[in-house]
Amino acid sequence: MMKRQAFTLLELLMVVAVMGLLGTVSTAGYYAAVSSMEVRGAKESVASVIQAAQQRAATDHVPTGVYFYNQLLREGSVSHNASVVGVAVAVRAGGRVSCVIDKGGKYLVDEFSDLDRGRKVQRRNMSAQDRSDLNNRSSSMRLYRIDTTNKKIEVSEVFDYVVERIDNIDTCDESFATVGGATTNIASYAYQIADGTSNSADSKWRAGDLYGYEIAVIQLPHNMIFGKTIPTSLNSPIADEPVKSVFFRTDGSPRGSTSVSLSTCRTTGANGALSVISTYQSDQVDTSN
């Protein structure tokens, strides 16, 4: 009977080497596939938020835009254990500021929009207790100061309720209407800038300014940004210019290109510095419909 011969050490080492090589190729292919799917998904998300803004502009016949910016997600710097992400915000114009009242609080009055429709209202005849209860039940929201010629993102934090005009703080001319030969006041409403906040638009509001609200927000996958510049401050996007902004006219036609660049980032080196690895360009969005 023939004696069975065992594998030699050289043969075993060759098998281990081949298995290691296959494992490396498989792992690299897996991560490449995942990265490709993330980029494809990000491009689709960008297209969807742009199309949503375009459709809202064409349907509502109001200016609508999308701001693309990047922000750090945790404390640190781009040179040490930073985490960054790209964000796109679609903003729909809501109306124009009739006047700004800066007395007993800062109020942005719009005399020509139904701000009270579907919102909580602080009535002028409310008791002090009712006003206090309304404040305690309320939160804040972002109000955007829209200027299609200005690249900066300018916002104020306002309460999510509106204030019926209060006589003792009014500096604007009262609104009047003639009904049956008699003159009567028309109720108007205002947004109040939230107490204890300090944002980029707070001191810039003027009569005639266009304001708007967020209608859609997307966030790119972890460590994927718009453009190629990694933000350096946790104050972004308030302190920094957005990477890009796309605005649509009231007929839905875009002001310029609807394509935006995206980059993937990775921490490199012993100190975890963040750097751009690859850059892609999103497709031009069809806005002809």
C-alpha atoms as a PDB file:
ATOM      1  CA  MET A   1       0.000   0.000   0.000  1.00  0.00           C
ATOM      2  CA  MET A   2       1.379   3.389  -1.041  1.00  0.00           C
ATOM      3  CA  LYS A   3       2.013   5.807   1.777  1.00  0.00           C
ATOM      4  CA  ARG A   4       0.117   9.160   1.412  1.00  0.00           C
ATOM      5  CA  GLN A   5       2.417  12.133   1.028  1.00  0.00           C
ATOM      6  CA  ALA A   6       1.687  15.350   3.008  1.00  0.00           C
ATOM      7  CA  PHE A   7       1.870  18.893   1.601  1.00  0.00           C
ATOM      8  CA  THR A   8       5.229  20.510   1.773  1.00  0.00           C
ATOM      9  CA  LEU A   9       5.768  23.800   3.578  1.00  0.00           C
ATOM     10  CA  LEU A  10       6.342  25.544   0.253  1.00  0.00           C
ATOM     11  CA  GLU A  11       2.999  24.325  -1.101  1.00  0.00           C
ATOM     12  CA  LEU A  12       1.180  25.530   2.018  1.00  0.00           C
ATOM     13  CA  LEU A  13       2.811  28.951   1.778  1.00  0.00           C
ATOM     14  CA  MET A  14       1.776  29.220  -1.880  1.00  0.00           C
ATOM     15  CA  VAL A  15      -1.841  28.377  -1.008  1.00  0.00           C
ATOM     16  CA  VAL A  16      -1.852  30.991   1.781  1.00  0.00           C
ATOM     17  CA  ALA A  17      -0.379  33.587  -0.582  1.00  0.00           C
ATOM     18  CA  VAL A  18      -3.003  32.885  -3.271  1.00  0.00           C
ATOM     19  CA  MET A  19      -5.822  33.063  -0.710  1.00  0.00           C
ATOM     20  CA  GLY A  20      -4.491  36.363   0.584  1.00  0.00           C
ATOM     21  CA  LEU A  21      -4.289  37.786  -2.939  1.00  0.00           C
ATOM     22  CA  LEU A  22      -7.860  36.706  -3.713  1.00  0.00           C
ATOM     23  CA  GLY A  23      -9.053  38.182  -0.439  1.00  0.00           C
ATOM     24  CA  THR A  24      -7.379  41.517  -1.206  1.00  0.00           C
ATOM     25  CA  VAL A  25      -8.901  41.635  -4.691  1.00  0.00           C
ATOM     26  CA  SER A  26     -12.351  40.727  -3.356  1.00  0.00           C
ATOM     27  CA  THR A  27     -12.193  43.337  -0.581  1.00  0.00           C
ATOM     28  CA  ALA A  28     -11.031  46.049  -2.963  1.00  0.00           C
ATOM     29  CA  GLY A  29     -13.789  45.144  -5.390  1.00  0.00           C
ATOM     30  CA  TYR A  30     -16.379  45.195  -2.615  1.00  0.00           C
ATOM     31  CA  TYR A  31     -15.398  48.661  -1.405  1.00  0.00           C
ATOM     32  CA  ALA A  32     -15.247  49.930  -4.980  1.00  0.00           C
ATOM     33  CA  ALA A  33     -18.784  48.639  -5.591  1.00  0.00           C
ATOM     34  CA  VAL A  34     -20.061  50.231  -2.362  1.00  0.00           C
ATOM     35  CA  SER A  35     -18.398  53.552  -3.237  1.00  0.00           C
ATOM     36  CA  SER A  36     -19.895  53.452  -6.721  1.00  0.00           C
ATOM     37  CA  MET A  37     -23.382  52.839  -5.318  1.00  0.00           C
ATOM     38  CA  GLU A  38     -22.981  55.711  -2.835  1.00  0.00           C
ATOM     39  CA  VAL A  39     -21.940  58.113  -5.591  1.00  0.00           C
ATOM     40  CA  ARG A  40     -24.808  56.986  -7.834  1.00  0.00           C
ATOM     41  CA  GLY A  41     -27.288  57.357  -4.966  1.00  0.00           C
ATOM     42  CA  ALA A  42     -25.912  60.821  -4.123  1.00  0.00           C
ATOM     43  CA  LYS A  43     -26.316  61.963  -7.728  1.00  0.00           C
ATOM     44  CA  GLU A  44     -29.910  60.734  -7.740  1.00  0.00           C
ATOM     45  CA  SER A  45     -30.635  62.576  -4.478  1.00  0.00           C
ATOM     46  CA  VAL A  46     -29.173  65.789  -5.891  1.00  0.00           C
ATOM     47  CA  ALA A  47     -31.307  65.443  -9.006  1.00  0.00           C
ATOM     48  CA  SER A  48     -34.446  64.830  -6.938  1.00  0.00           C
ATOM     49  CA  VAL A  49     -34.021  67.929  -4.737  1.00  0.00           C
ATOM     50  CA  ILE A  50     -33.305  70.123  -7.781  1.00  0.00           C
ATOM     51  CA  GLN A  51     -36.366  68.750  -9.586  1.00  0.00           C
ATOM     52  CA  ALA A  52     -38.499  69.317  -6.479  1.00  0.00           C
ATOM     53  CA  ALA A  53     -37.428  72.980  -6.385  1.00  0.00           C
ATOM     54  CA  GLN A  54     -38.043  73.411 -10.107  1.00  0.00           C
ATOM     55  CA  GLN A  55     -41.509  71.867  -9.929  1.00  0.00           C
ATOM     56  CA  ARG A  56     -42.456  74.014  -6.933  1.00  0.00           C
ATOM     57  CA  ALA A  57     -41.337  77.168  -8.761  1.00  0.00           C
ATOM     58  CA  ALA A  58     -43.349  76.262 -11.858  1.00  0.00           C
ATOM     59  CA  THR A  59     -46.438  75.195  -9.883  1.00  0.00           C
ATOM     60  CA  ASP A  60     -46.567  78.008  -7.314  1.00  0.00           C
ATOM     61  CA  HIS A  61     -45.077  80.673  -9.614  1.00  0.00           C
ATOM     62  CA  VAL A  62     -42.639  81.855  -6.949  1.00  0.00           C
ATOM     63  CA  PRO A  63     -38.816  81.950  -6.954  1.00  0.00           C
ATOM     64  CA  THR A  64     -37.314  78.748  -5.565  1.00  0.00           C
ATOM     65  CA  GLY A  65     -33.702  77.725  -5.080  1.00  0.00           C
ATOM     66  CA  VAL A  66     -31.327  75.088  -3.771  1.00  0.00           C
ATOM     67  CA  TYR A  67     -28.264  75.836  -1.630  1.00  0.00           C
ATOM     68  CA  PHE A  68     -25.415  73.297  -1.606  1.00  0.00           C
ATOM     69  CA  TYR A  69     -22.995  73.526   1.312  1.00  0.00           C
ATOM     70  CA  ASN A  70     -20.742  71.416   3.541  1.00  0.00           C
ATOM     71  CA  GLN A  71     -20.454  71.216   7.309  1.00  0.00           C
ATOM     72  CA  LEU A  72     -18.392  69.521   9.969  1.00  0.00           C
ATOM     73  CA  LEU A  73     -20.412  67.040  11.984  1.00  0.00           C
ATOM     74  CA  ARG A  74     -18.281  66.902  15.095  1.00  0.00           C
ATOM     75  CA  GLU A  75     -15.755  68.986  17.015  1.00  0.00           C
ATOM     76  CA  GLY A  76     -12.233  69.025  15.693  1.00  0.00           C
ATOM     77  CA  SER A  77     -10.518  70.327  12.602  1.00  0.00           C
ATOM     78  CA  VAL A  78      -9.813  69.065   9.116  1.00  0.00           C
ATOM     79  CA  SER A  79      -6.385  67.975  10.355  1.00  0.00           C
ATOM     80  CA  HIS A  80      -7.520  65.749  13.213  1.00  0.00           C
ATOM     81  CA  ASN A  81     -10.390  63.231  13.304  1.00  0.00           C
ATOM     82  CA  ALA A  82     -12.836  65.429  11.408  1.00  0.00           C
ATOM     83  CA  SER A  83     -16.186  64.236  10.077  1.00  0.00           C
ATOM     84  CA  VAL A  84     -17.807  66.127   7.216  1.00  0.00           C
ATOM     85  CA  VAL A  85     -20.935  65.893   5.088  1.00  0.00           C
ATOM     86  CA  GLY A  86     -22.570  67.755   2.203  1.00  0.00           C
ATOM     87  CA  VAL A  87     -26.084  69.179   2.592  1.00  0.00           C
ATOM     88  CA  ALA A  88     -28.551  70.534   0.017  1.00  0.00           C
ATOM     89  CA  VAL A  89     -31.508  72.695   1.072  1.00  0.00           C
ATOM     90  CA  ALA A  90     -34.378  73.646  -1.236  1.00  0.00           C
ATOM     91  CA  VAL A  91     -35.952  76.996  -0.295  1.00  0.00           C
ATOM     92  CA  ARG A  92     -39.292  78.331  -1.542  1.00  0.00           C
ATOM     93  CA  ALA A  93     -40.052  82.059  -1.457  1.00  0.00           C
ATOM     94  CA  GLY A  94     -42.927  82.863   0.901  1.00  0.00           C
ATOM     95  CA  GLY A  95     -43.387  86.602   0.463  1.00  0.00           C
ATOM     96  CA  ARG A  96     -41.779  89.984   0.967  1.00  0.00           C
ATOM     97  CA  VAL A  97     -41.141  91.904   4.158  1.00  0.00           C
ATOM     98  CA  SER A  98     -43.381  94.995   4.345  1.00  0.00           C
ATOM     99  CA  CYS A  99     -41.456  96.567   7.204  1.00  0.00           C
ATOM    100  CA  VAL A 100     -39.129  95.679  10.068  1.00  0.00           C
ATOM    101  CA  ILE A 101     -40.091  96.571  13.641  1.00  0.00           C
ATOM    102  CA  ASP A 102     -37.259  96.667  16.150  1.00  0.00           C
ATOM    103  CA  LYS A 103     -38.980  97.456  19.410  1.00  0.00           C
ATOM    104  CA  GLY A 104     -39.754  94.980  22.178  1.00  0.00           C
ATOM    105  CA  GLY A 105     -38.255  92.319  19.903  1.00  0.00           C
ATOM    106  CA  LYS A 106     -37.490  92.214  16.190  1.00  0.00           C
ATOM    107  CA  TYR A 107     -40.491  91.624  13.938  1.00  0.00           C
ATOM    108  CA  LEU A 108     -40.642  90.993  10.181  1.00  0.00           C
ATOM    109  CA  VAL A 109     -44.060  92.164   9.013  1.00  0.00           C
ATOM    110  CA  ASP A 110     -45.724  90.904   5.829  1.00  0.00           C
ATOM    111  CA  GLU A 111     -48.952  92.799   5.230  1.00  0.00           C
ATOM    112  CA  PHE A 112     -49.833  90.994   2.005  1.00  0.00           C
ATOM    113  CA  SER A 113     -49.559  87.265   2.886  1.00  0.00           C
ATOM    114  CA  ASP A 114     -51.876  85.075   4.935  1.00  0.00           C
ATOM    115  CA  LEU A 115     -49.232  84.208   7.499  1.00  0.00           C
ATOM    116  CA  ASP A 116     -51.912  83.167   9.997  1.00  0.00           C
ATOM    117  CA  ARG A 117     -53.191  80.396   7.736  1.00  0.00           C
ATOM    118  CA  GLY A 118     -52.226  77.031   9.197  1.00  0.00           C
ATOM    119  CA  ARG A 119     -49.996  78.569  11.891  1.00  0.00           C
ATOM    120  CA  LYS A 120     -50.303  79.356  15.565  1.00  0.00           C
ATOM    121  CA  VAL A 121     -50.971  83.039  16.164  1.00  0.00           C
ATOM    122  CA  GLN A 122     -50.072  85.295  19.056  1.00  0.00           C
ATOM    123  CA  ARG A 123     -53.160  87.522  19.136  1.00  0.00           C
ATOM    124  CA  ARG A 124     -52.934  91.144  20.195  1.00  0.00           C
ATOM    125  CA  ASN A 125     -55.641  90.612  22.819  1.00  0.00           C
ATOM    126  CA  MET A 126     -53.960  87.542  24.352  1.00  0.00           C
ATOM    127  CA  SER A 127     -53.366  87.571  28.088  1.00  0.00           C
ATOM    128  CA  ALA A 128     -49.812  87.485  29.410  1.00  0.00           C
ATOM    129  CA  GLN A 129     -50.379  83.910  30.610  1.00  0.00           C
ATOM    130  CA  ASP A 130     -51.628  82.754  27.189  1.00  0.00           C
ATOM    131  CA  ARG A 131     -48.616  84.339  25.512  1.00  0.00           C
ATOM    132  CA  SER A 132     -46.302  82.616  27.948  1.00  0.00           C
ATOM    133  CA  ASP A 133     -48.013  79.277  27.280  1.00  0.00           C
ATOM    134  CA  LEU A 134     -47.672  79.816  23.508  1.00  0.00           C
ATOM    135  CA  ASN A 135     -43.958  80.525  23.877  1.00  0.00           C
ATOM    136  CA  ASN A 136     -43.462  77.399  25.976  1.00  0.00           C
ATOM    137  CA  ARG A 137     -45.178  75.218  23.349  1.00  0.00           C
ATOM    138  CA  SER A 138     -43.295  76.719  20.425  1.00  0.00           C
ATOM    139  CA  SER A 139     -39.999  76.074  18.697  1.00  0.00           C
ATOM    140  CA  SER A 140     -38.033  77.960  16.064  1.00  0.00           C
ATOM    141  CA  MET A 141     -37.518  77.563  12.359  1.00  0.00           C
ATOM    142  CA  ARG A 142     -35.177  78.985   9.730  1.00  0.00           C
ATOM    143  CA  LEU A 143     -36.347  81.941   7.671  1.00  0.00           C
ATOM    144  CA  TYR A 144     -34.124  82.561   4.640  1.00  0.00           C
ATOM    145  CA  ARG A 145     -33.373  86.031   3.295  1.00  0.00           C
ATOM    146  CA  ILE A 146     -33.356  85.262  -0.432  1.00  0.00           C
ATOM    147  CA  ASP A 147     -31.198  87.227  -2.829  1.00  0.00           C
ATOM    148  CA  THR A 148     -30.468  85.440  -6.101  1.00  0.00           C
ATOM    149  CA  THR A 149     -27.503  87.752  -6.735  1.00  0.00           C
ATOM    150  CA  ASN A 150     -25.874  87.111  -3.339  1.00  0.00           C
ATOM    151  CA  LYS A 151     -23.984  83.844  -2.885  1.00  0.00           C
ATOM    152  CA  LYS A 152     -24.099  83.795   0.902  1.00  0.00           C
ATOM    153  CA  ILE A 153     -26.731  81.853   2.829  1.00  0.00           C
ATOM    154  CA  GLU A 154     -28.511  84.356   5.073  1.00  0.00           C
ATOM    155  CA  VAL A 155     -30.982  83.066   7.664  1.00  0.00           C
ATOM    156  CA  SER A 156     -32.726  84.051  10.861  1.00  0.00           C
ATOM    157  CA  GLU A 157     -34.206  81.796  13.506  1.00  0.00           C
ATOM    158  CA  VAL A 158     -37.847  82.828  13.994  1.00  0.00           C
ATOM    159  CA  PHE A 159     -40.586  81.430  16.200  1.00  0.00           C
ATOM    160  CA  ASP A 160     -42.887  78.935  14.483  1.00  0.00           C
ATOM    161  CA  TYR A 161     -45.903  81.100  15.299  1.00  0.00           C
ATOM    162  CA  VAL A 162     -46.766  84.530  13.872  1.00  0.00           C
ATOM    163  CA  VAL A 163     -47.576  87.688  15.805  1.00  0.00           C
ATOM    164  CA  GLU A 164     -50.682  89.739  15.122  1.00  0.00           C
ATOM    165  CA  ARG A 165     -49.565  93.357  14.877  1.00  0.00           C
ATOM    166  CA  ILE A 166     -49.442  94.925  18.313  1.00  0.00           C
ATOM    167  CA  ASP A 167     -50.202  98.640  18.577  1.00  0.00           C
ATOM    168  CA  ASN A 168     -47.562  99.528  21.125  1.00  0.00           C
ATOM    169  CA  ILE A 169     -44.689  98.186  19.009  1.00  0.00           C
ATOM    170  CA  ASP A 170     -45.881  99.230  15.558  1.00  0.00           C
ATOM    171  CA  THR A 171     -43.728 101.691  13.650  1.00  0.00           C
ATOM    172  CA  CYS A 172     -45.130 100.798  10.216  1.00  0.00           C
ATOM    173  CA  ASP A 173     -48.122 102.573   8.784  1.00  0.00           C
ATOM    174  CA  GLU A 174     -51.332 100.737   9.625  1.00  0.00           C
ATOM    175  CA  SER A 175     -53.142  98.897   6.831  1.00  0.00           C
ATOM    176  CA  PHE A 176     -56.624 100.161   5.982  1.00  0.00           C
ATOM    177  CA  ALA A 177     -59.530  99.101   3.797  1.00  0.00           C
ATOM    178  CA  THR A 178     -62.762 100.828   2.841  1.00  0.00           C
ATOM    179  CA  VAL A 179     -65.860  98.732   3.455  1.00  0.00           C
ATOM    180  CA  GLY A 180     -69.286 100.252   2.807  1.00  0.00           C
ATOM    181  CA  GLY A 181     -67.880 103.761   2.967  1.00  0.00           C
ATOM    182  CA  ALA A 182     -66.184 103.164   6.332  1.00  0.00           C
ATOM    183  CA  THR A 183     -62.444 102.786   6.889  1.00  0.00           C
ATOM    184  CA  THR A 184     -61.265  99.814   8.943  1.00  0.00           C
ATOM    185  CA  ASN A 185     -57.964  98.247   9.933  1.00  0.00           C
ATOM    186  CA  ILE A 186     -56.747  95.099   8.161  1.00  0.00           C
ATOM    187  CA  ALA A 187     -55.065  92.547  10.393  1.00  0.00           C
ATOM    188  CA  SER A 188     -51.441  91.844   9.436  1.00  0.00           C
ATOM    189  CA  TYR A 189     -48.936  89.439  10.897  1.00  0.00           C
ATOM    190  CA  ALA A 190     -45.218  89.226  11.564  1.00  0.00           C
ATOM    191  CA  TYR A 191     -42.480  86.716  12.236  1.00  0.00           C
ATOM    192  CA  GLN A 192     -40.541  87.366  15.417  1.00  0.00           C
ATOM    193  CA  ILE A 193     -36.823  86.615  15.494  1.00  0.00           C
ATOM    194  CA  ALA A 194     -36.264  84.110  18.292  1.00  0.00           C
ATOM    195  CA  ASP A 195     -34.724  85.406  21.505  1.00  0.00           C
ATOM    196  CA  GLY A 196     -31.126  84.473  22.246  1.00  0.00           C
ATOM    197  CA  THR A 197     -30.212  83.707  18.630  1.00  0.00           C
ATOM    198  CA  SER A 198     -27.672  85.426  16.424  1.00  0.00           C
ATOM    199  CA  ASN A 199     -27.675  84.579  12.730  1.00  0.00           C
ATOM    200  CA  SER A 200     -26.389  86.002   9.477  1.00  0.00           C
ATOM    201  CA  ALA A 201     -29.592  87.767   8.372  1.00  0.00           C
ATOM    202  CA  ASP A 202     -30.732  89.249  11.705  1.00  0.00           C
ATOM    203  CA  SER A 203     -29.344  92.738  11.099  1.00  0.00           C
ATOM    204  CA  LYS A 204     -29.881  92.773   7.315  1.00  0.00           C
ATOM    205  CA  TRP A 205     -33.638  92.571   6.949  1.00  0.00           C
ATOM    206  CA  ARG A 206     -35.162  95.525   5.098  1.00  0.00           C
ATOM    207  CA  ALA A 207     -38.565  96.372   3.639  1.00  0.00           C
ATOM    208  CA  GLY A 208     -38.956  94.618   0.300  1.00  0.00           C
ATOM    209  CA  ASP A 209     -36.684  91.665   1.154  1.00  0.00           C
ATOM    210  CA  LEU A 210     -37.780  88.296  -0.196  1.00  0.00           C
ATOM    211  CA  TYR A 211     -38.019  85.581   2.464  1.00  0.00           C
ATOM    212  CA  GLY A 212     -38.486  81.838   2.179  1.00  0.00           C
ATOM    213  CA  TYR A 213     -38.733  78.480   3.927  1.00  0.00           C
ATOM    214  CA  GLU A 214     -37.088  75.090   3.633  1.00  0.00           C
ATOM    215  CA  ILE A 215     -39.164  72.667   1.564  1.00  0.00           C
ATOM    216  CA  ALA A 216     -36.665  69.814   1.195  1.00  0.00           C
ATOM    217  CA  VAL A 217     -33.309  68.817   2.680  1.00  0.00           C
ATOM    218  CA  ILE A 218     -30.905  66.044   1.673  1.00  0.00           C
ATOM    219  CA  GLN A 219     -27.640  64.935   3.238  1.00  0.00           C
ATOM    220  CA  LEU A 220     -24.884  63.155   1.356  1.00  0.00           C
ATOM    221  CA  PRO A 221     -23.309  59.952   2.705  1.00  0.00           C
ATOM    222  CA  HIS A 222     -20.702  60.276   5.454  1.00  0.00           C
ATOM    223  CA  ASN A 223     -17.518  62.065   4.276  1.00  0.00           C
ATOM    224  CA  MET A 224     -18.986  63.021   0.888  1.00  0.00           C
ATOM    225  CA  ILE A 225     -19.113  66.744   0.130  1.00  0.00           C
ATOM    226  CA  PHE A 226     -20.173  69.194  -2.562  1.00  0.00           C
ATOM    227  CA  GLY A 227     -17.266  70.716  -4.484  1.00  0.00           C
ATOM    228  CA  LYS A 228     -13.690  70.105  -3.363  1.00  0.00           C
ATOM    229  CA  THR A 229     -13.293  72.383  -0.335  1.00  0.00           C
ATOM    230  CA  ILE A 230     -13.577  70.849   3.116  1.00  0.00           C
ATOM    231  CA  PRO A 231     -15.182  73.276   5.614  1.00  0.00           C
ATOM    232  CA  THR A 232     -12.933  74.590   8.369  1.00  0.00           C
ATOM    233  CA  SER A 233     -15.535  75.886  10.800  1.00  0.00           C
ATOM    234  CA  LEU A 234     -18.486  74.489  12.713  1.00  0.00           C
ATOM    235  CA  ASN A 235     -20.243  77.774  11.852  1.00  0.00           C
ATOM    236  CA  SER A 236     -20.759  76.558   8.287  1.00  0.00           C
ATOM    237  CA  PRO A 237     -22.926  77.199   6.353  1.00  0.00           C
ATOM    238  CA  ILE A 238     -23.800  80.473   8.091  1.00  0.00           C
ATOM    239  CA  ALA A 239     -20.304  81.940   7.964  1.00  0.00           C
ATOM    240  CA  ASP A 240     -19.213  80.398   4.665  1.00  0.00           C
ATOM    241  CA  GLU A 241     -20.445  80.822   1.121  1.00  0.00           C
ATOM    242  CA  PRO A 242     -22.297  77.800  -0.238  1.00  0.00           C
ATOM    243  CA  VAL A 243     -20.485  75.636  -2.756  1.00  0.00           C
ATOM    244  CA  LYS A 244     -23.234  76.390  -5.264  1.00  0.00           C
ATOM    245  CA  SER A 245     -26.758  77.743  -5.441  1.00  0.00           C
ATOM    246  CA  VAL A 246     -29.338  77.009  -8.132  1.00  0.00           C
ATOM    247  CA  PHE A 247     -32.348  79.318  -8.461  1.00  0.00           C
ATOM    248  CA  PHE A 248     -35.463  78.920 -10.569  1.00  0.00           C
ATOM    249  CA  ARG A 249     -37.601  81.704 -11.981  1.00  0.00           C
ATOM    250  CA  THR A 250     -41.361  81.798 -11.512  1.00  0.00           C
ATOM    251  CA  ASP A 251     -41.837  79.834 -14.757  1.00  0.00           C
ATOM    252  CA  GLY A 252     -39.514  77.071 -13.537  1.00  0.00           C
ATOM    253  CA  SER A 253     -36.574  77.957 -15.796  1.00  0.00           C
ATOM    254  CA  PRO A 254     -33.152  77.743 -14.096  1.00  0.00           C
ATOM    255  CA  ARG A 255     -30.687  80.576 -13.642  1.00  0.00           C
ATOM    256  CA  GLY A 256     -27.561  78.838 -14.894  1.00  0.00           C
ATOM    257  CA  SER A 257     -26.316  75.248 -14.658  1.00  0.00           C
ATOM    258  CA  THR A 258     -28.085  72.630 -12.549  1.00  0.00           C
ATOM    259  CA  SER A 259     -25.024  70.388 -12.297  1.00  0.00           C
ATOM    260  CA  VAL A 260     -22.875  70.277  -9.152  1.00  0.00           C
ATOM    261  CA  SER A 261     -19.613  68.534  -8.275  1.00  0.00           C
ATOM    262  CA  LEU A 262     -19.300  65.993  -5.455  1.00  0.00           C
ATOM    263  CA  SER A 263     -16.175  64.660  -3.748  1.00  0.00           C
ATOM    264  CA  THR A 264     -15.448  61.704  -1.507  1.00  0.00           C
ATOM    265  CA  CYS A 265     -13.139  62.270   1.473  1.00  0.00           C
ATOM    266  CA  ARG A 266     -11.071  59.982   3.641  1.00  0.00           C
ATOM    267  CA  THR A 267      -9.012  60.317   6.771  1.00  0.00           C
ATOM    268  CA  THR A 268      -5.342  59.767   5.995  1.00  0.00           C
ATOM    269  CA  GLY A 269      -2.141  59.687   7.996  1.00  0.00           C
ATOM    270  CA  ALA A 270      -1.516  58.964  11.650  1.00  0.00           C
ATOM    271  CA  ASN A 271      -3.326  62.109  12.810  1.00  0.00           C
ATOM    272  CA  GLY A 272      -6.531  61.348  10.900  1.00  0.00           C
ATOM    273  CA  ALA A 273      -6.309  64.327   8.509  1.00  0.00           C
ATOM    274  CA  LEU A 274      -9.257  64.611   6.105  1.00  0.00           C
ATOM    275  CA  SER A 275      -8.526  64.958   2.396  1.00  0.00           C
ATOM    276  CA  VAL A 276     -10.402  64.704  -0.914  1.00  0.00           C
ATOM    277  CA  ILE A 277      -9.916  61.366  -2.696  1.00  0.00           C
ATOM    278  CA  SER A 278     -12.151  61.510  -5.783  1.00  0.00           C
ATOM    279  CA  THR A 279     -14.377  64.125  -7.458  1.00  0.00           C
ATOM    280  CA  TYR A 280     -17.464  63.533  -9.619  1.00  0.00           C
ATOM    281  CA  GLN A 281     -19.898  65.727 -11.543  1.00  0.00           C
ATOM    282  CA  SER A 282     -23.651  65.270 -11.181  1.00  0.00           C
ATOM    283  CA  ASP A 283     -25.776  65.121 -14.325  1.00  0.00           C
ATOM    284  CA  GLN A 284     -27.427  68.224 -15.695  1.00  0.00           C
ATOM    285  CA  VAL A 285     -31.044  68.016 -14.511  1.00  0.00           C
ATOM    286  CA  ASP A 286     -33.734  68.150 -17.204  1.00  0.00           C
ATOM    287  CA  THR A 287     -36.000  71.074 -16.269  1.00  0.00           C
ATOM    288  CA  SER A 288     -37.840  71.314 -19.580  1.00  0.00           C
ATOM    289  CA  ASN A 289     -41.052  69.668 -18.299  1.00  0.00           C
END
